[in-house]
Amino acid sequence: MNWKKSVLAIPLSFSLLIPSVATVSAHDGENHAQNHPTVTSPTSDLRATLDALLSEHAYLAVITMQKGIDGAEDFEAAAGALNQNTEDLSNAVASVYGEEGGKQFKEIWSSHIGYFVNYVTATAKNDQAGKDQALADLEEYKVKQAAFLDTATESRLKAAELEEGLQIHIEQLLWAFDNYKAGDFEKTYENLRHSMHHMFGTGKGLSWAITDQFADKFEKTSVDTPAADLRADLNYLLSEHAAFAILAMQKGISGAKDFEASAAALNQNTEDLSKAVASVYGEEAGGQFKEIWGSHIGYFVDYVKATGAKDEAAKKQAIAELEEYKVEQAKFLDAATEGRLKAADLEAGLQMHIDELLKAFNSYTEKDYATTYENVREAYAHMFDVGAGLSGAIVDQHPEKFQEKMPTDMPKTGMGGASEQAGGLSGTLQWLLIAMVSLIILSAVTVRATKRNPQE
């Protein structure tokens, strides 16, 4: 499996009605039975694409709001990345529902970003009336966006449930911002994690609606399968790692007050990933993975410290240690997956990850913010390729645990209403806990019910 850049690592403006060709085969050249479960299908690829764009939106929105209230020099670049994400989402919508549909989506979607900006501006001015107006505007946006998606999907997604899901999204971003402004950084990053994870449910719901409308275009494959859920869950944790690693490095070199909280969120992500590995390959393997994976985060910290101290020798040492990490991590995953993931390919993918994070950080210290956020987006998207590869290997090792059960109704998603999950990762993985001695459900990532205010 090759983790080099695929279509997910470039601007996602291609047609969603043209299924991704960046599929992953666990054993090259091996012919599987037609009913062999797989993480890659036209529908699963669509779901991953929407998950990437929607969760990236939540991440960039929160970061842009932080940069705005701080008056940070990279605010414009962060806002530019958020706007580019909107362009990509709008182009994707246009590829399904036509240019007029894409234009209408962009106008509505962009408006809610503008209302968040208004909320930040009013907060900075201690203007309660301005904040109240921004909240009222967001309420109107919610109704318009829900109506658009209800109409576009021919009521496969219901306006009332969409409004509930959109309200969750709005509240999560506002809670993350309000807590940041209040200096409660633990809740800030708790809500950022919630907001990113919530959008994976949204991506599942929207991809279900699209593939139900255009079943022939997606070879009548299902969005709601155990293998697709596994891929989505790993995509969430791996992309979150990249996002929080870059953010923690920025906070570290800037001496920001929320550095410790951002680093704690990154460490919690490592805990979750390690427990996932342990649930598949045993506690000893989970501990080994945690030690190896955690080491590369430590080496990035060393690099940041060396940069702050202007210690070129220490920077070179950190890079040398990252080189050793790359080899050790690749060897571990090759062995764990019984050669389904090849060490050489793994090393290439891990090197890409390292390069993207270092380039994002170096360009940040050099105040080349356009390059910074270009690499933020590339690093984030790249981890969806990693998720596809790792989930593909696991499914190939344990195919009997991932046999598809074709759903008859809309799957549980993050769209609100009756379809809203109570929290945590997919029901598929919860089932696998029982079926395979804790197979791939991240018990530490038990996200509270998204309808409940995390501040309570």
Protein backbone atom coordinates (compact mmCIF):
# COMPACT_ATOMS: atom_id res chain seq x y z
CA MET A 1 0.00 0.00 0.00
CA ASN A 2 1.42 3.33 -1.05
CA TRP A 3 0.70 6.34 1.14
CA LYS A 4 1.91 8.88 -1.38
CA LYS A 5 -0.38 11.82 -2.11
CA SER A 6 -3.65 10.93 -3.78
CA VAL A 7 -6.70 12.92 -4.76
CA LEU A 8 -7.47 13.72 -1.12
CA ALA A 9 -4.22 15.63 -0.76
CA ILE A 10 -5.08 18.20 -3.41
CA PRO A 11 -7.94 20.72 -3.52
CA LEU A 12 -11.10 18.66 -3.61
CA SER A 13 -12.87 20.46 -6.43
CA PHE A 14 -13.32 17.41 -8.61
CA SER A 15 -16.73 15.91 -9.28
CA LEU A 16 -18.20 13.85 -6.49
CA LEU A 17 -20.02 11.89 -9.16
CA ILE A 18 -16.69 10.57 -10.37
CA PRO A 19 -15.70 8.06 -7.70
CA SER A 20 -12.15 8.29 -6.38
CA VAL A 21 -9.57 6.08 -8.00
CA ALA A 22 -7.28 6.28 -4.97
CA THR A 23 -8.34 2.91 -3.63
CA VAL A 24 -6.31 0.70 -1.35
CA SER A 25 -5.66 -2.98 -1.93
CA ALA A 26 -4.40 -4.89 1.07
CA HIS A 27 -2.42 -7.39 -1.00
CA ASP A 28 -1.36 -6.18 -4.43
CA GLY A 29 -2.44 -8.59 -7.11
CA GLU A 30 -4.59 -10.71 -4.83
CA ASN A 31 -8.07 -11.42 -6.13
CA HIS A 32 -10.67 -11.27 -3.39
CA ALA A 33 -14.09 -12.80 -3.50
CA GLN A 34 -16.77 -10.46 -4.71
CA ASN A 35 -18.35 -10.27 -1.27
CA HIS A 36 -15.04 -9.66 0.50
CA PRO A 37 -15.50 -6.57 2.71
CA THR A 38 -13.50 -3.55 1.66
CA VAL A 39 -12.91 -0.05 2.98
CA THR A 40 -12.77 1.32 -0.55
CA SER A 41 -15.82 1.67 -2.73
CA PRO A 42 -17.25 4.60 -4.67
CA THR A 43 -19.50 5.36 -1.72
CA SER A 44 -16.81 5.00 0.96
CA ASP A 45 -14.51 7.25 -1.03
CA LEU A 46 -17.22 9.88 -1.28
CA ARG A 47 -17.84 9.66 2.45
CA ALA A 48 -14.12 10.09 3.17
CA THR A 49 -13.95 13.12 0.88
CA LEU A 50 -16.88 14.82 2.59
CA ASP A 51 -15.55 13.88 6.04
CA ALA A 52 -12.24 15.51 5.14
CA LEU A 53 -13.75 18.77 3.95
CA LEU A 54 -16.40 19.11 6.63
CA SER A 55 -14.16 18.29 9.59
CA GLU A 56 -11.44 20.55 8.18
CA HIS A 57 -14.02 23.34 8.08
CA ALA A 58 -14.71 22.92 11.80
CA TYR A 59 -11.00 22.91 12.65
CA LEU A 60 -10.13 25.93 10.53
CA ALA A 61 -13.19 27.85 11.74
CA VAL A 62 -12.17 27.52 15.39
CA ILE A 63 -8.52 28.34 14.65
CA THR A 64 -9.49 31.36 12.58
CA MET A 65 -11.69 32.63 15.40
CA GLN A 66 -8.77 32.25 17.81
CA LYS A 67 -6.45 34.10 15.48
CA GLY A 68 -9.05 36.82 15.01
CA ILE A 69 -9.62 37.57 18.69
CA ASP A 70 -5.84 37.48 19.29
CA GLY A 71 -5.13 39.87 16.43
CA ALA A 72 -2.58 37.31 15.21
CA GLU A 73 -0.43 38.04 12.17
CA ASP A 74 -1.56 34.82 10.49
CA PHE A 75 -5.27 35.57 10.81
CA GLU A 76 -5.67 36.46 7.13
CA ALA A 77 -3.90 33.28 6.03
CA ALA A 78 -6.01 31.13 8.35
CA ALA A 79 -9.16 32.83 7.05
CA GLY A 80 -7.90 32.25 3.52
CA ALA A 81 -7.54 28.53 4.17
CA LEU A 82 -11.06 28.46 5.59
CA ASN A 83 -12.35 30.23 2.51
CA GLN A 84 -10.55 27.78 0.24
CA ASN A 85 -12.22 24.97 2.12
CA THR A 86 -15.54 26.67 1.33
CA GLU A 87 -14.58 26.82 -2.36
CA ASP A 88 -13.80 23.11 -2.36
CA LEU A 89 -17.06 22.23 -0.64
CA SER A 90 -19.03 24.44 -3.02
CA ASN A 91 -17.36 22.95 -6.09
CA ALA A 92 -18.17 19.50 -4.75
CA VAL A 93 -21.82 20.45 -4.31
CA ALA A 94 -21.88 21.94 -7.82
CA SER A 95 -20.53 18.69 -9.25
CA VAL A 96 -23.60 16.93 -7.92
CA TYR A 97 -26.36 19.54 -8.02
CA GLY A 98 -25.18 21.82 -10.82
CA GLU A 99 -23.51 25.21 -10.95
CA GLU A 100 -26.57 27.00 -9.65
CA GLY A 101 -26.80 24.61 -6.73
CA GLY A 102 -23.11 25.08 -5.97
CA LYS A 103 -23.46 28.85 -6.10
CA GLN A 104 -26.46 28.81 -3.80
CA PHE A 105 -24.68 26.51 -1.35
CA LYS A 106 -21.61 28.74 -1.33
CA GLU A 107 -23.65 31.86 -0.61
CA ILE A 108 -25.46 30.25 2.30
CA TRP A 109 -22.43 28.40 3.73
CA SER A 110 -20.20 31.48 3.45
CA SER A 111 -22.76 33.55 5.32
CA HIS A 112 -22.39 31.51 8.51
CA ILE A 113 -18.63 31.97 8.42
CA GLY A 114 -19.24 35.72 8.13
CA TYR A 115 -21.60 35.60 11.12
CA PHE A 116 -18.94 33.87 13.20
CA VAL A 117 -16.52 36.64 12.21
CA ASN A 118 -19.12 39.18 13.30
CA TYR A 119 -19.41 37.40 16.64
CA VAL A 120 -15.64 37.54 17.13
CA THR A 121 -15.53 41.22 16.18
CA ALA A 122 -18.37 42.05 18.57
CA THR A 123 -16.67 40.06 21.33
CA ALA A 124 -13.47 42.04 20.86
CA LYS A 125 -15.45 45.28 21.20
CA ASN A 126 -17.51 44.05 24.17
CA ASP A 127 -20.52 44.74 21.98
CA GLN A 128 -23.35 42.59 23.35
CA ALA A 129 -25.82 43.90 20.79
CA GLY A 130 -23.43 42.89 18.01
CA LYS A 131 -23.06 39.42 19.50
CA ASP A 132 -26.83 39.04 19.77
CA GLN A 133 -27.21 40.08 16.14
CA ALA A 134 -24.61 37.53 15.04
CA LEU A 135 -26.48 34.82 16.94
CA ALA A 136 -29.75 35.86 15.31
CA ASP A 137 -28.09 35.75 11.89
CA LEU A 138 -26.77 32.26 12.63
CA GLU A 139 -30.29 31.20 13.51
CA GLU A 140 -31.51 32.37 10.10
CA TYR A 141 -28.58 30.69 8.39
CA LYS A 142 -29.44 27.39 10.04
CA VAL A 143 -32.94 27.46 8.57
CA LYS A 144 -31.73 28.43 5.07
CA GLN A 145 -29.01 25.79 5.00
CA ALA A 146 -31.38 23.08 6.17
CA ALA A 147 -33.98 24.05 3.57
CA PHE A 148 -31.35 23.97 0.81
CA LEU A 149 -30.11 20.49 1.71
CA ASP A 150 -33.65 19.15 2.18
CA THR A 151 -34.56 20.35 -1.31
CA ALA A 152 -31.30 19.27 -2.94
CA THR A 153 -31.53 15.73 -1.55
CA GLU A 154 -35.23 15.51 -2.35
CA SER A 155 -35.99 15.28 1.37
CA ARG A 156 -33.66 12.38 2.00
CA LEU A 157 -32.27 14.74 4.61
CA LYS A 158 -35.11 16.33 6.56
CA ALA A 159 -35.03 20.06 7.28
CA ALA A 160 -36.02 19.66 10.92
CA GLU A 161 -33.22 17.18 11.64
CA LEU A 162 -30.76 19.21 9.62
CA GLU A 163 -31.57 22.26 11.71
CA GLU A 164 -30.79 20.31 14.87
CA GLY A 165 -27.47 19.12 13.47
CA LEU A 166 -26.54 22.60 12.29
CA GLN A 167 -27.42 23.99 15.72
CA ILE A 168 -24.99 21.51 17.28
CA HIS A 169 -22.29 22.68 14.89
CA ILE A 170 -22.95 26.35 15.68
CA GLU A 171 -22.95 25.78 19.44
CA GLN A 172 -19.78 23.71 19.41
CA LEU A 173 -17.84 26.41 17.56
CA LEU A 174 -19.21 29.14 19.80
CA TRP A 175 -18.40 27.17 22.96
CA ALA A 176 -14.86 26.57 21.73
CA PHE A 177 -14.45 30.30 21.06
CA ASP A 178 -16.15 31.57 24.22
CA ASN A 179 -14.06 29.26 26.39
CA TYR A 180 -10.91 30.36 24.59
CA LYS A 181 -11.77 34.00 25.24
CA ALA A 182 -12.52 33.18 28.90
CA GLY A 183 -9.20 31.38 29.29
CA ASP A 184 -10.76 27.98 29.93
CA PHE A 185 -8.50 26.20 27.48
CA GLU A 186 -9.34 22.67 28.57
CA LYS A 187 -12.95 23.19 27.49
CA THR A 188 -11.73 25.01 24.38
CA TYR A 189 -10.00 21.93 23.06
CA GLU A 190 -12.64 19.54 24.35
CA ASN A 191 -15.15 21.40 22.21
CA LEU A 192 -12.80 21.57 19.23
CA ARG A 193 -12.50 17.78 19.33
CA HIS A 194 -16.28 17.47 19.57
CA SER A 195 -16.84 19.85 16.67
CA MET A 196 -14.44 18.01 14.38
CA HIS A 197 -15.87 14.61 15.24
CA HIS A 198 -19.45 15.79 14.76
CA MET A 199 -18.72 16.63 11.13
CA PHE A 200 -17.87 13.01 10.38
CA GLY A 201 -21.49 12.18 11.17
CA THR A 202 -22.57 14.98 8.88
CA GLY A 203 -20.37 13.60 6.11
CA LYS A 204 -21.94 10.17 6.54
CA GLY A 205 -25.44 11.57 6.29
CA LEU A 206 -24.76 13.71 3.25
CA SER A 207 -22.91 10.95 1.42
CA TRP A 208 -25.80 8.57 2.14
CA ALA A 209 -28.26 11.03 0.61
CA ILE A 210 -26.13 11.60 -2.50
CA THR A 211 -25.47 7.93 -3.13
CA ASP A 212 -29.13 7.10 -2.60
CA GLN A 213 -30.07 9.72 -5.20
CA PHE A 214 -27.45 8.63 -7.69
CA ALA A 215 -27.15 4.94 -6.88
CA ASP A 216 -25.97 3.91 -10.35
CA LYS A 217 -23.13 6.41 -10.27
CA PHE A 218 -21.86 4.79 -7.09
CA GLU A 219 -22.34 1.21 -8.21
CA LYS A 220 -25.16 0.85 -5.66
CA THR A 221 -22.62 0.46 -2.86
CA SER A 222 -23.54 1.29 0.74
CA VAL A 223 -22.25 4.13 2.91
CA ASP A 224 -23.20 2.28 6.08
CA THR A 225 -20.90 -0.74 6.39
CA PRO A 226 -18.62 -1.94 9.19
CA ALA A 227 -15.56 -1.43 6.99
CA ALA A 228 -16.58 2.10 5.99
CA ASP A 229 -17.19 2.99 9.63
CA LEU A 230 -13.76 1.69 10.61
CA ARG A 231 -12.15 3.79 7.90
CA ALA A 232 -14.03 6.88 9.07
CA ASP A 233 -13.09 6.35 12.72
CA LEU A 234 -9.39 6.01 11.92
CA ASN A 235 -9.59 8.98 9.56
CA TYR A 236 -10.95 11.04 12.44
CA LEU A 237 -8.16 10.21 14.87
CA LEU A 238 -5.32 10.39 12.35
CA SER A 239 -6.40 13.71 10.82
CA GLU A 240 -6.96 15.11 14.30
CA HIS A 241 -3.39 14.15 15.16
CA ALA A 242 -2.01 16.18 12.27
CA ALA A 243 -4.24 19.15 13.09
CA PHE A 244 -3.32 19.25 16.77
CA ALA A 245 0.38 18.56 16.16
CA ILE A 246 0.67 21.63 13.94
CA LEU A 247 -1.39 23.73 16.33
CA ALA A 248 0.62 22.69 19.40
CA MET A 249 3.86 23.53 17.58
CA GLN A 250 2.51 26.99 16.77
CA LYS A 251 1.37 27.53 20.34
CA GLY A 252 4.71 26.29 21.66
CA ILE A 253 6.94 28.60 19.63
CA SER A 254 4.61 31.53 20.35
CA GLY A 255 4.60 30.91 24.09
CA ALA A 256 0.79 30.94 23.99
CA LYS A 257 -1.20 30.55 27.21
CA ASP A 258 -3.12 27.63 25.76
CA PHE A 259 -0.04 25.65 24.75
CA GLU A 260 -0.43 23.13 27.58
CA ALA A 261 -4.10 22.55 26.74
CA SER A 262 -3.41 22.11 23.02
CA ALA A 263 -0.59 19.67 23.84
CA ALA A 264 -2.90 17.79 26.22
CA ALA A 265 -5.46 17.38 23.44
CA LEU A 266 -2.71 16.01 21.20
CA ASN A 267 -1.64 13.59 23.92
CA GLN A 268 -5.22 12.44 24.42
CA ASN A 269 -5.37 11.72 20.71
CA THR A 270 -2.26 9.54 21.13
CA GLU A 271 -3.94 7.69 23.99
CA ASP A 272 -6.96 7.02 21.82
CA LEU A 273 -4.91 5.78 18.88
CA SER A 274 -2.85 3.53 21.15
CA LYS A 275 -5.96 1.98 22.72
CA ALA A 276 -7.26 1.31 19.23
CA VAL A 277 -4.07 -0.54 18.33
CA ALA A 278 -4.21 -2.46 21.62
CA SER A 279 -7.80 -3.52 20.97
CA VAL A 280 -6.70 -5.18 17.73
CA TYR A 281 -3.19 -6.38 18.41
CA GLY A 282 -3.11 -6.72 22.21
CA GLU A 283 -1.99 -4.61 25.15
CA GLU A 284 1.71 -5.20 24.54
CA ALA A 285 1.43 -4.02 20.95
CA GLY A 286 -0.65 -1.04 22.06
CA GLY A 287 2.04 -0.09 24.53
CA GLN A 288 4.72 -0.47 21.89
CA PHE A 289 2.76 1.66 19.43
CA LYS A 290 2.22 4.35 22.05
CA GLU A 291 5.92 4.47 22.84
CA ILE A 292 6.91 4.75 19.19
CA TRP A 293 4.14 7.15 18.16
CA GLY A 294 4.62 9.28 21.25
CA SER A 295 8.33 9.54 20.52
CA HIS A 296 7.79 11.37 17.23
CA ILE A 297 5.64 13.95 19.00
CA GLY A 298 8.50 14.40 21.47
CA TYR A 299 10.95 14.90 18.62
CA PHE A 300 8.73 17.60 17.15
CA VAL A 301 8.71 19.26 20.58
CA ASP A 302 12.51 19.07 20.61
CA TYR A 303 12.55 20.73 17.19
CA VAL A 304 10.33 23.54 18.42
CA LYS A 305 12.50 24.09 21.49
CA ALA A 306 15.63 24.09 19.37
CA THR A 307 14.08 26.61 17.00
CA GLY A 308 13.20 28.88 19.90
CA ALA A 309 16.75 28.58 21.22
CA LYS A 310 18.23 29.03 17.73
CA ASP A 311 20.16 25.82 18.27
CA GLU A 312 20.89 24.41 14.81
CA ALA A 313 22.65 21.35 16.20
CA ALA A 314 19.61 20.44 18.29
CA LYS A 315 17.34 20.91 15.29
CA LYS A 316 19.47 18.51 13.25
CA GLN A 317 19.38 16.02 16.13
CA ALA A 318 15.59 16.21 16.24
CA ILE A 319 15.40 15.57 12.50
CA ALA A 320 17.78 12.61 12.86
CA GLU A 321 15.56 11.18 15.59
CA LEU A 322 12.49 11.60 13.40
CA GLU A 323 14.34 9.61 10.74
CA GLU A 324 14.87 6.79 13.23
CA TYR A 325 11.25 7.01 14.33
CA LYS A 326 10.08 6.64 10.74
CA VAL A 327 11.92 3.36 10.32
CA GLU A 328 10.79 1.99 13.68
CA GLN A 329 7.12 2.93 13.11
CA ALA A 330 7.11 1.43 9.62
CA LYS A 331 8.63 -1.79 10.90
CA PHE A 332 6.01 -2.05 13.65
CA LEU A 333 3.06 -1.57 11.29
CA ASP A 334 4.50 -3.95 8.69
CA ALA A 335 4.80 -6.66 11.32
CA ALA A 336 1.42 -5.93 12.92
CA THR A 337 -0.43 -6.15 9.61
CA GLU A 338 1.53 -9.23 8.54
CA GLY A 339 3.06 -7.43 5.59
CA ARG A 340 -0.19 -5.95 4.31
CA LEU A 341 1.39 -2.55 4.80
CA LYS A 342 4.91 -2.63 3.41
CA ALA A 343 7.70 -1.01 5.41
CA ALA A 344 9.10 0.83 2.39
CA ASP A 345 5.74 2.36 1.51
CA LEU A 346 5.10 3.18 5.15
CA GLU A 347 8.42 4.97 5.43
CA ALA A 348 7.57 7.08 2.38
CA GLY A 349 4.20 8.02 3.87
CA LEU A 350 5.66 8.78 7.28
CA GLN A 351 8.34 10.94 5.69
CA MET A 352 5.62 12.91 3.94
CA HIS A 353 3.87 13.43 7.27
CA ILE A 354 7.08 14.60 8.90
CA ASP A 355 7.92 16.94 6.03
CA GLU A 356 4.45 18.48 6.00
CA LEU A 357 4.49 19.23 9.73
CA LEU A 358 8.01 20.64 9.65
CA LYS A 359 7.25 22.80 6.62
CA ALA A 360 4.08 24.11 8.25
CA PHE A 361 6.07 24.98 11.37
CA ASN A 362 9.13 26.44 9.64
CA SER A 363 7.02 28.63 7.38
CA TYR A 364 5.08 29.80 10.44
CA THR A 365 8.27 30.90 12.20
CA GLU A 366 9.38 32.60 8.98
CA LYS A 367 5.99 34.36 8.78
CA ASP A 368 5.27 32.79 5.41
CA TYR A 369 1.72 32.12 6.47
CA ALA A 370 0.35 31.26 3.03
CA THR A 371 2.76 28.32 2.93
CA THR A 372 1.89 27.44 6.52
CA TYR A 373 -1.78 26.92 5.83
CA GLU A 374 -1.19 25.25 2.49
CA ASN A 375 0.76 22.62 4.42
CA VAL A 376 -1.84 22.50 7.18
CA ARG A 377 -4.39 21.48 4.58
CA GLU A 378 -2.06 18.99 2.90
CA ALA A 379 -1.08 17.39 6.20
CA TYR A 380 -4.72 17.08 7.22
CA ALA A 381 -5.82 15.54 3.93
CA HIS A 382 -2.85 13.18 3.81
CA MET A 383 -3.99 11.43 6.98
CA PHE A 384 -7.14 10.27 5.21
CA ASP A 385 -4.92 8.23 2.92
CA VAL A 386 -3.23 6.78 5.99
CA GLY A 387 -6.63 5.93 7.45
CA ALA A 388 -7.65 4.16 4.25
CA GLY A 389 -4.45 2.12 4.28
CA LEU A 390 -4.56 1.09 7.91
CA SER A 391 -8.27 0.26 7.91
CA GLY A 392 -7.82 -1.69 4.67
CA ALA A 393 -5.12 -3.82 6.26
CA ILE A 394 -7.23 -4.51 9.36
CA VAL A 395 -10.28 -5.49 7.32
CA ASP A 396 -8.15 -7.77 5.17
CA GLN A 397 -6.77 -9.47 8.29
CA HIS A 398 -10.21 -9.95 9.84
CA PRO A 399 -12.74 -10.03 6.95
CA GLU A 400 -15.26 -12.11 8.88
CA LYS A 401 -15.75 -9.22 11.32
CA PHE A 402 -16.64 -6.77 8.57
CA GLN A 403 -19.26 -8.55 6.51
CA GLU A 404 -21.65 -5.96 5.13
CA LYS A 405 -25.21 -5.69 6.36
CA MET A 406 -27.16 -3.62 3.90
CA PRO A 407 -29.22 -0.99 5.74
CA THR A 408 -32.81 -0.25 4.81
CA ASP A 409 -32.98 3.22 6.34
CA MET A 410 -30.78 6.26 6.60
CA PRO A 411 -27.75 5.40 8.79
CA LYS A 412 -27.10 7.02 12.13
CA THR A 413 -25.26 10.25 11.48
CA GLY A 414 -24.44 13.58 13.02
CA MET A 415 -27.33 15.29 11.27
CA GLY A 416 -29.41 15.76 14.41
CA GLY A 417 -32.83 14.50 15.38
CA ALA A 418 -33.56 10.81 15.63
CA SER A 419 -30.42 9.96 13.67
CA GLU A 420 -28.07 11.65 16.12
CA GLN A 421 -25.62 9.32 17.80
CA ALA A 422 -25.35 9.56 21.55
CA GLY A 423 -21.59 9.90 21.35
CA GLY A 424 -18.32 8.14 20.68
CA LEU A 425 -17.37 6.46 17.44
CA SER A 426 -19.44 4.28 15.16
CA GLY A 427 -21.90 1.64 16.27
CA THR A 428 -20.02 -0.77 14.02
CA LEU A 429 -16.93 -0.49 16.18
CA GLN A 430 -18.96 -0.83 19.36
CA TRP A 431 -20.30 -4.10 17.99
CA LEU A 432 -16.78 -5.25 17.20
CA LEU A 433 -15.74 -4.80 20.80
CA ILE A 434 -18.03 -7.69 21.70
CA ALA A 435 -17.35 -9.66 18.55
CA MET A 436 -13.57 -9.57 18.73
CA VAL A 437 -12.29 -8.83 22.22
CA SER A 438 -12.35 -5.07 21.93
CA LEU A 439 -11.69 -4.74 18.22
CA ILE A 440 -11.23 -1.11 17.21
CA ILE A 441 -13.52 1.01 19.30
CA LEU A 442 -11.71 3.83 20.96
CA SER A 443 -13.14 3.51 24.42
CA ALA A 444 -11.34 6.64 25.53
CA VAL A 445 -13.00 8.69 22.83
CA THR A 446 -16.52 8.52 24.27
CA VAL A 447 -17.73 11.89 23.09
CA ARG A 448 -20.65 13.07 25.16
CA ALA A 449 -24.03 13.48 23.53
CA THR A 450 -23.59 16.29 21.10
CA LYS A 451 -26.94 17.74 22.07
CA ARG A 452 -25.65 18.28 25.60
CA ASN A 453 -23.70 21.47 26.33
CA PRO A 454 -20.12 20.30 27.03
CA GLN A 455 -19.76 23.21 29.47
CA GLU A 456 -22.24 21.68 31.86
